[in-house]
Amino acid sequence: MRKDAMFRGISLLVLLASATLVIMMGSRGGYDLQNPLQPLRMIAPLSLLFYFIMPIHACFFSTEGFEYGTLKTRIASGQSRASYVWGKFAMMTFAVIGWLAQFYILYEGLYLIMSGVTGASIGGVGWRKEAVAFLTIAGFNALYLTAYGTVMMMTGFLIRKTAAAASSPSCSYLAT
């Protein structure tokens, strides 16, 4: 997956989104913080970006074996279809968790750096409440994105063509 151009492109997009959102959020309200975890709670609603990116990646990722013939080669070499599907699912899950971690960690780090550079104050009040709220939000994001990606992969496996899977009813908003 590290050699996949789409995976690299999405990782770069996540990097750019994190940096851009730090600048946008800081310019709106300044970089003063009640506690170090406050930026994570502020950015959690904006992680909806992944719900537009993940279906595209899941559709292409699930159908690439059909389009390039690697599925036939793997099955001919003795790998079962079930292990192939579970492998795709595991890689998609790791990608979701990796992109979420990249997004949140980069955003938090850049926000704290900007707070330090601008001389903003960082308090220590209520950080436990922020941590629980953020972990809940991040956990649900990971579960929802994995479920959403699974539906897109199922669509791709059933249709077996990237173009048809990307324009299926479950991905129809992506085709426009």
C-alpha atoms as a PDB file:
ATOM      1  CA  MET A   1       0.000   0.000   0.000  1.00  0.00           C
ATOM      2  CA  ARG A   2       2.984   2.325   0.514  1.00  0.00           C
ATOM      3  CA  LYS A   3       3.611   2.290  -3.251  1.00  0.00           C
ATOM      4  CA  ASP A   4      -0.018   3.155  -4.053  1.00  0.00           C
ATOM      5  CA  ALA A   5      -0.222   6.627  -5.592  1.00  0.00           C
ATOM      6  CA  MET A   6      -3.754   7.206  -4.279  1.00  0.00           C
ATOM      7  CA  PHE A   7      -2.678   6.326  -0.725  1.00  0.00           C
ATOM      8  CA  ARG A   8       0.230   8.775  -0.948  1.00  0.00           C
ATOM      9  CA  GLY A   9      -2.014  11.440  -2.430  1.00  0.00           C
ATOM     10  CA  ILE A  10      -4.571  11.093   0.346  1.00  0.00           C
ATOM     11  CA  SER A  11      -1.804  11.198   2.959  1.00  0.00           C
ATOM     12  CA  LEU A  12      -0.507  14.420   1.407  1.00  0.00           C
ATOM     13  CA  LEU A  13      -4.041  15.831   1.337  1.00  0.00           C
ATOM     14  CA  VAL A  14      -4.424  15.026   5.057  1.00  0.00           C
ATOM     15  CA  LEU A  15      -1.129  16.818   5.749  1.00  0.00           C
ATOM     16  CA  LEU A  16      -2.224  19.897   3.821  1.00  0.00           C
ATOM     17  CA  ALA A  17      -5.674  19.872   5.434  1.00  0.00           C
ATOM     18  CA  SER A  18      -4.144  19.750   8.924  1.00  0.00           C
ATOM     19  CA  ALA A  19      -1.836  22.681   8.222  1.00  0.00           C
ATOM     20  CA  THR A  20      -4.544  24.735   6.527  1.00  0.00           C
ATOM     21  CA  LEU A  21      -7.030  24.128   9.323  1.00  0.00           C
ATOM     22  CA  VAL A  22      -4.489  25.234  11.953  1.00  0.00           C
ATOM     23  CA  ILE A  23      -4.069  28.541  10.157  1.00  0.00           C
ATOM     24  CA  MET A  24      -7.807  28.973   9.609  1.00  0.00           C
ATOM     25  CA  MET A  25      -8.811  28.109  13.176  1.00  0.00           C
ATOM     26  CA  GLY A  26      -6.052  30.239  14.696  1.00  0.00           C
ATOM     27  CA  SER A  27      -6.844  33.262  12.566  1.00  0.00           C
ATOM     28  CA  ARG A  28     -10.512  33.110  13.602  1.00  0.00           C
ATOM     29  CA  GLY A  29     -10.109  32.980  17.366  1.00  0.00           C
ATOM     30  CA  GLY A  30      -6.427  33.207  18.193  1.00  0.00           C
ATOM     31  CA  TYR A  31      -4.254  30.477  19.601  1.00  0.00           C
ATOM     32  CA  ASP A  32      -5.083  30.889  23.324  1.00  0.00           C
ATOM     33  CA  LEU A  33      -6.013  27.547  24.898  1.00  0.00           C
ATOM     34  CA  GLN A  34      -7.639  26.527  28.157  1.00  0.00           C
ATOM     35  CA  ASN A  35      -5.735  23.221  27.955  1.00  0.00           C
ATOM     36  CA  PRO A  36      -3.427  21.483  25.467  1.00  0.00           C
ATOM     37  CA  LEU A  37      -6.164  19.125  24.199  1.00  0.00           C
ATOM     38  CA  GLN A  38      -8.649  21.852  23.284  1.00  0.00           C
ATOM     39  CA  PRO A  39      -7.578  21.990  19.589  1.00  0.00           C
ATOM     40  CA  LEU A  40      -8.519  18.341  19.136  1.00  0.00           C
ATOM     41  CA  ARG A  41     -12.041  18.967  20.340  1.00  0.00           C
ATOM     42  CA  MET A  42     -12.323  22.056  18.120  1.00  0.00           C
ATOM     43  CA  ILE A  43     -11.290  20.160  15.002  1.00  0.00           C
ATOM     44  CA  ALA A  44     -13.330  16.988  15.549  1.00  0.00           C
ATOM     45  CA  PRO A  45     -16.420  18.195  13.624  1.00  0.00           C
ATOM     46  CA  LEU A  46     -14.224  19.103  10.652  1.00  0.00           C
ATOM     47  CA  SER A  47     -12.953  15.541  10.260  1.00  0.00           C
ATOM     48  CA  LEU A  48     -15.914  14.983   7.943  1.00  0.00           C
ATOM     49  CA  LEU A  49     -13.349  15.487   5.193  1.00  0.00           C
ATOM     50  CA  PHE A  50     -12.639  11.765   5.475  1.00  0.00           C
ATOM     51  CA  TYR A  51     -16.209  10.837   4.591  1.00  0.00           C
ATOM     52  CA  PHE A  52     -15.612  12.246   1.106  1.00  0.00           C
ATOM     53  CA  ILE A  53     -12.137  10.769   0.631  1.00  0.00           C
ATOM     54  CA  MET A  54     -12.597   7.285   2.060  1.00  0.00           C
ATOM     55  CA  PRO A  55     -15.294   6.036  -0.362  1.00  0.00           C
ATOM     56  CA  ILE A  56     -13.134   6.862  -3.356  1.00  0.00           C
ATOM     57  CA  HIS A  57     -10.141   5.043  -1.908  1.00  0.00           C
ATOM     58  CA  ALA A  58     -12.241   2.035  -0.839  1.00  0.00           C
ATOM     59  CA  CYS A  59     -13.819   1.720  -4.310  1.00  0.00           C
ATOM     60  CA  PHE A  60     -10.466   1.814  -6.093  1.00  0.00           C
ATOM     61  CA  PHE A  61      -8.705  -0.329  -3.492  1.00  0.00           C
ATOM     62  CA  SER A  62     -11.315  -3.089  -3.620  1.00  0.00           C
ATOM     63  CA  THR A  63     -11.503  -3.333  -7.412  1.00  0.00           C
ATOM     64  CA  GLU A  64      -7.823  -3.104  -8.315  1.00  0.00           C
ATOM     65  CA  GLY A  65      -7.391  -6.898  -8.111  1.00  0.00           C
ATOM     66  CA  PHE A  66     -10.132  -7.406 -10.697  1.00  0.00           C
ATOM     67  CA  GLU A  67      -8.874  -4.707 -13.046  1.00  0.00           C
ATOM     68  CA  TYR A  68      -5.176  -5.598 -13.035  1.00  0.00           C
ATOM     69  CA  GLY A  69      -5.578  -9.376 -12.810  1.00  0.00           C
ATOM     70  CA  THR A  70      -3.758  -9.775  -9.498  1.00  0.00           C
ATOM     71  CA  LEU A  71      -6.769 -11.503  -7.937  1.00  0.00           C
ATOM     72  CA  LYS A  72      -6.581 -14.365 -10.437  1.00  0.00           C
ATOM     73  CA  THR A  73      -2.858 -14.734  -9.801  1.00  0.00           C
ATOM     74  CA  ARG A  74      -3.319 -14.795  -6.022  1.00  0.00           C
ATOM     75  CA  ILE A  75      -6.130 -17.343  -6.157  1.00  0.00           C
ATOM     76  CA  ALA A  76      -4.135 -19.488  -8.581  1.00  0.00           C
ATOM     77  CA  SER A  77      -1.192 -19.412  -6.166  1.00  0.00           C
ATOM     78  CA  GLY A  78      -3.354 -20.894  -3.399  1.00  0.00           C
ATOM     79  CA  GLN A  79      -4.659 -17.889  -1.483  1.00  0.00           C
ATOM     80  CA  SER A  80      -8.347 -18.198  -0.663  1.00  0.00           C
ATOM     81  CA  ARG A  81     -10.862 -15.559  -1.628  1.00  0.00           C
ATOM     82  CA  ALA A  82     -11.786 -15.078   2.017  1.00  0.00           C
ATOM     83  CA  SER A  83      -8.198 -14.321   3.032  1.00  0.00           C
ATOM     84  CA  TYR A  84      -7.925 -11.889   0.101  1.00  0.00           C
ATOM     85  CA  VAL A  85     -11.077 -10.038   1.205  1.00  0.00           C
ATOM     86  CA  TRP A  86     -10.013 -10.026   4.868  1.00  0.00           C
ATOM     87  CA  GLY A  87      -6.599  -8.717   3.836  1.00  0.00           C
ATOM     88  CA  LYS A  88      -8.207  -5.877   1.897  1.00  0.00           C
ATOM     89  CA  PHE A  89     -10.447  -5.117   4.879  1.00  0.00           C
ATOM     90  CA  ALA A  90      -7.486  -5.105   7.275  1.00  0.00           C
ATOM     91  CA  MET A  91      -5.486  -2.772   5.038  1.00  0.00           C
ATOM     92  CA  MET A  92      -8.464  -0.427   4.678  1.00  0.00           C
ATOM     93  CA  THR A  93      -8.913  -0.387   8.461  1.00  0.00           C
ATOM     94  CA  PHE A  94      -5.227   0.366   9.001  1.00  0.00           C
ATOM     95  CA  ALA A  95      -5.452   3.154   6.420  1.00  0.00           C
ATOM     96  CA  VAL A  96      -8.466   4.696   8.184  1.00  0.00           C
ATOM     97  CA  ILE A  97      -6.798   4.596  11.595  1.00  0.00           C
ATOM     98  CA  GLY A  98      -3.515   5.866  10.132  1.00  0.00           C
ATOM     99  CA  TRP A  99      -5.135   8.803   8.360  1.00  0.00           C
ATOM    100  CA  LEU A 100      -7.146   9.744  11.452  1.00  0.00           C
ATOM    101  CA  ALA A 101      -4.014   9.566  13.620  1.00  0.00           C
ATOM    102  CA  GLN A 102      -2.048  11.595  11.065  1.00  0.00           C
ATOM    103  CA  PHE A 103      -4.789  14.211  10.878  1.00  0.00           C
ATOM    104  CA  TYR A 104      -5.244  14.629  14.628  1.00  0.00           C
ATOM    105  CA  ILE A 105      -1.557  14.399  15.609  1.00  0.00           C
ATOM    106  CA  LEU A 106      -0.418  16.841  12.925  1.00  0.00           C
ATOM    107  CA  TYR A 107      -3.189  19.265  13.761  1.00  0.00           C
ATOM    108  CA  GLU A 108      -2.478  19.114  17.499  1.00  0.00           C
ATOM    109  CA  GLY A 109       1.272  19.489  17.030  1.00  0.00           C
ATOM    110  CA  LEU A 110       1.013  22.366  14.570  1.00  0.00           C
ATOM    111  CA  TYR A 111      -1.566  24.136  16.733  1.00  0.00           C
ATOM    112  CA  LEU A 112       0.661  23.892  19.811  1.00  0.00           C
ATOM    113  CA  ILE A 113       3.657  25.116  17.794  1.00  0.00           C
ATOM    114  CA  MET A 114       1.648  28.096  16.537  1.00  0.00           C
ATOM    115  CA  SER A 115       0.486  28.810  20.089  1.00  0.00           C
ATOM    116  CA  GLY A 116       4.103  28.879  21.219  1.00  0.00           C
ATOM    117  CA  VAL A 117       5.258  31.000  18.287  1.00  0.00           C
ATOM    118  CA  THR A 118       2.515  33.599  18.763  1.00  0.00           C
ATOM    119  CA  GLY A 119       3.001  33.710  22.546  1.00  0.00           C
ATOM    120  CA  ALA A 120      -0.535  32.536  23.309  1.00  0.00           C
ATOM    121  CA  SER A 121      -1.333  31.150  26.733  1.00  0.00           C
ATOM    122  CA  ILE A 122      -1.922  27.435  27.240  1.00  0.00           C
ATOM    123  CA  GLY A 123      -3.784  26.599  30.434  1.00  0.00           C
ATOM    124  CA  GLY A 124      -4.325  23.296  32.165  1.00  0.00           C
ATOM    125  CA  VAL A 125      -8.012  23.451  33.087  1.00  0.00           C
ATOM    126  CA  GLY A 126     -10.371  20.610  32.135  1.00  0.00           C
ATOM    127  CA  TRP A 127      -7.958  18.511  30.122  1.00  0.00           C
ATOM    128  CA  ARG A 128      -9.432  15.202  31.368  1.00  0.00           C
ATOM    129  CA  LYS A 129     -12.885  16.152  30.109  1.00  0.00           C
ATOM    130  CA  GLU A 130     -11.368  17.154  26.759  1.00  0.00           C
ATOM    131  CA  ALA A 131      -9.441  13.874  26.551  1.00  0.00           C
ATOM    132  CA  VAL A 132     -12.544  11.759  27.159  1.00  0.00           C
ATOM    133  CA  ALA A 133     -14.572  13.779  24.647  1.00  0.00           C
ATOM    134  CA  PHE A 134     -11.848  13.560  21.997  1.00  0.00           C
ATOM    135  CA  LEU A 135     -11.264   9.827  22.459  1.00  0.00           C
ATOM    136  CA  THR A 136     -14.992   9.211  22.123  1.00  0.00           C
ATOM    137  CA  ILE A 137     -15.196  11.294  18.949  1.00  0.00           C
ATOM    138  CA  ALA A 138     -12.067   9.715  17.437  1.00  0.00           C
ATOM    139  CA  GLY A 139     -13.286   6.197  18.271  1.00  0.00           C
ATOM    140  CA  PHE A 140     -16.664   6.780  16.647  1.00  0.00           C
ATOM    141  CA  ASN A 141     -14.966   8.349  13.617  1.00  0.00           C
ATOM    142  CA  ALA A 142     -12.802   5.239  13.210  1.00  0.00           C
ATOM    143  CA  LEU A 143     -15.822   2.928  13.555  1.00  0.00           C
ATOM    144  CA  TYR A 144     -18.006   4.914  11.149  1.00  0.00           C
ATOM    145  CA  LEU A 145     -15.262   5.267   8.556  1.00  0.00           C
ATOM    146  CA  THR A 146     -14.467   1.554   8.738  1.00  0.00           C
ATOM    147  CA  ALA A 147     -18.143   0.676   8.313  1.00  0.00           C
ATOM    148  CA  TYR A 148     -18.509   3.156   5.450  1.00  0.00           C
ATOM    149  CA  GLY A 149     -15.370   1.830   3.783  1.00  0.00           C
ATOM    150  CA  THR A 150     -16.642  -1.738   4.177  1.00  0.00           C
ATOM    151  CA  VAL A 151     -19.860  -0.863   2.355  1.00  0.00           C
ATOM    152  CA  MET A 152     -17.829   0.736  -0.442  1.00  0.00           C
ATOM    153  CA  MET A 153     -15.543  -2.301  -0.646  1.00  0.00           C
ATOM    154  CA  MET A 154     -18.552  -4.626  -0.780  1.00  0.00           C
ATOM    155  CA  THR A 155     -19.956  -2.541  -3.627  1.00  0.00           C
ATOM    156  CA  GLY A 156     -16.630  -2.771  -5.419  1.00  0.00           C
ATOM    157  CA  PHE A 157     -16.386  -6.538  -4.930  1.00  0.00           C
ATOM    158  CA  LEU A 158     -19.914  -7.064  -6.210  1.00  0.00           C
ATOM    159  CA  ILE A 159     -19.538  -4.827  -9.267  1.00  0.00           C
ATOM    160  CA  ARG A 160     -15.853  -5.653  -9.949  1.00  0.00           C
ATOM    161  CA  LYS A 161     -15.210  -2.553 -12.025  1.00  0.00           C
ATOM    162  CA  THR A 162     -13.764   0.675 -10.646  1.00  0.00           C
ATOM    163  CA  ALA A 163     -15.769   3.005 -12.869  1.00  0.00           C
ATOM    164  CA  ALA A 164     -19.047   1.232 -12.104  1.00  0.00           C
ATOM    165  CA  ALA A 165     -18.273   1.023  -8.372  1.00  0.00           C
ATOM    166  CA  ALA A 166     -17.421   4.729  -8.176  1.00  0.00           C
ATOM    167  CA  SER A 167     -20.692   5.642  -9.896  1.00  0.00           C
ATOM    168  CA  SER A 168     -22.894   3.141  -8.046  1.00  0.00           C
ATOM    169  CA  PRO A 169     -25.824   4.464  -5.994  1.00  0.00           C
ATOM    170  CA  SER A 170     -23.770   4.270  -2.805  1.00  0.00           C
ATOM    171  CA  CYS A 171     -21.057   6.434  -4.431  1.00  0.00           C
ATOM    172  CA  SER A 172     -23.275   8.395  -6.789  1.00  0.00           C
ATOM    173  CA  TYR A 173     -22.435  11.777  -5.288  1.00  0.00           C
ATOM    174  CA  LEU A 174     -18.770  11.123  -6.109  1.00  0.00           C
ATOM    175  CA  ALA A 175     -19.404  10.760  -9.827  1.00  0.00           C
ATOM    176  CA  THR A 176     -20.849  14.250 -10.182  1.00  0.00           C
END
